[in-house]
């Protein structure tokens, strides 16, 4: 190794060492609180709601959204937000409207961010009208103490947890993030995920239930609906005690489909690569085909039609009459 190269390596190492020592000294002064390095200043703003409202509409940017039932019958909105990207809060024609007002210049988006904006909506009563939430990056949580006329949640990157019921439709969509729905009643339920997991437990739908997943697993437990339809590209599909009065329709490109004590008047399953296994509750007329794999289905000649097609994978179905 040449002398000049050695000198440059020693100098580079020395600069790195000095930088580490300076960083350690600064963080020691800050008590290793990385949030103090943030170049964005946050503030908490509280808005008391003196006007009555029935519907709720929230359009956020990067904020988490949570809902709380008021203890004193007084509504409010609390926003933890950047100073130059605050939210406006107003009641317009019976609708609580919360919107982000971003006044930042382009260069103000460049910096160190450690804080996470959050919107907490305290509602004075448990029953409301339509709920609409749209946010680019942030989680949305709707607790079980509420019941709405309808629920519509759209998230680009974030998780959605919905424990509230609706008289009409519940529609939840996220591009990247999980959806968790539990102890919910609705007229219809539509769940959509591009990349993420869908979990639904203890759900009752008077109408249709639809689940679309591009990449991710789906797990449904203790679900009753009129009909159920699901499409997806990659991911396993698990159904336990899922009952549809009319039809099951499931399509997957890659992933296993598992039934456990499930039933419907008619069942249609199609997957390119994956196994289809499990138990049903009543006899079916089976039409089962696989290009590469084994087929084991009951030789029943009564009941609704059950079509199962897979290119690569096994098909194994039993009738569990004792589970009724």
Foldseek 3Di string as FASTA:
>chain_A
DDPVVVVVVVVVVVVVVVVVVVVVVVCVVVVVPCQVQWPFDKDKDKAWDPDAAFEEAEAEEFAAEEEAEDPVLTKMKIKTGTPQFAWDWDQDPRYTYIYTDHPDDPVVVDTDDDDGMYMYIYHSAQEGEEYEYEYEHYEYEYDCSHEYQEYHYEYAAYEYEDAYEHAEEYEYEYAHYEYEYEPYEYQEYEYEYAAYEYEYEQYEHAAEYEYEYAEEEYEYYNYEHQEYEYEYEYYEYEYENYEHAAEYYYEYAAYEYEYEAYDYQEYEYEYAHYEYEYEYADDECEDEDEQAEEEAEDNDDDGYHYYYYYDHYYYYYYHDNVVD
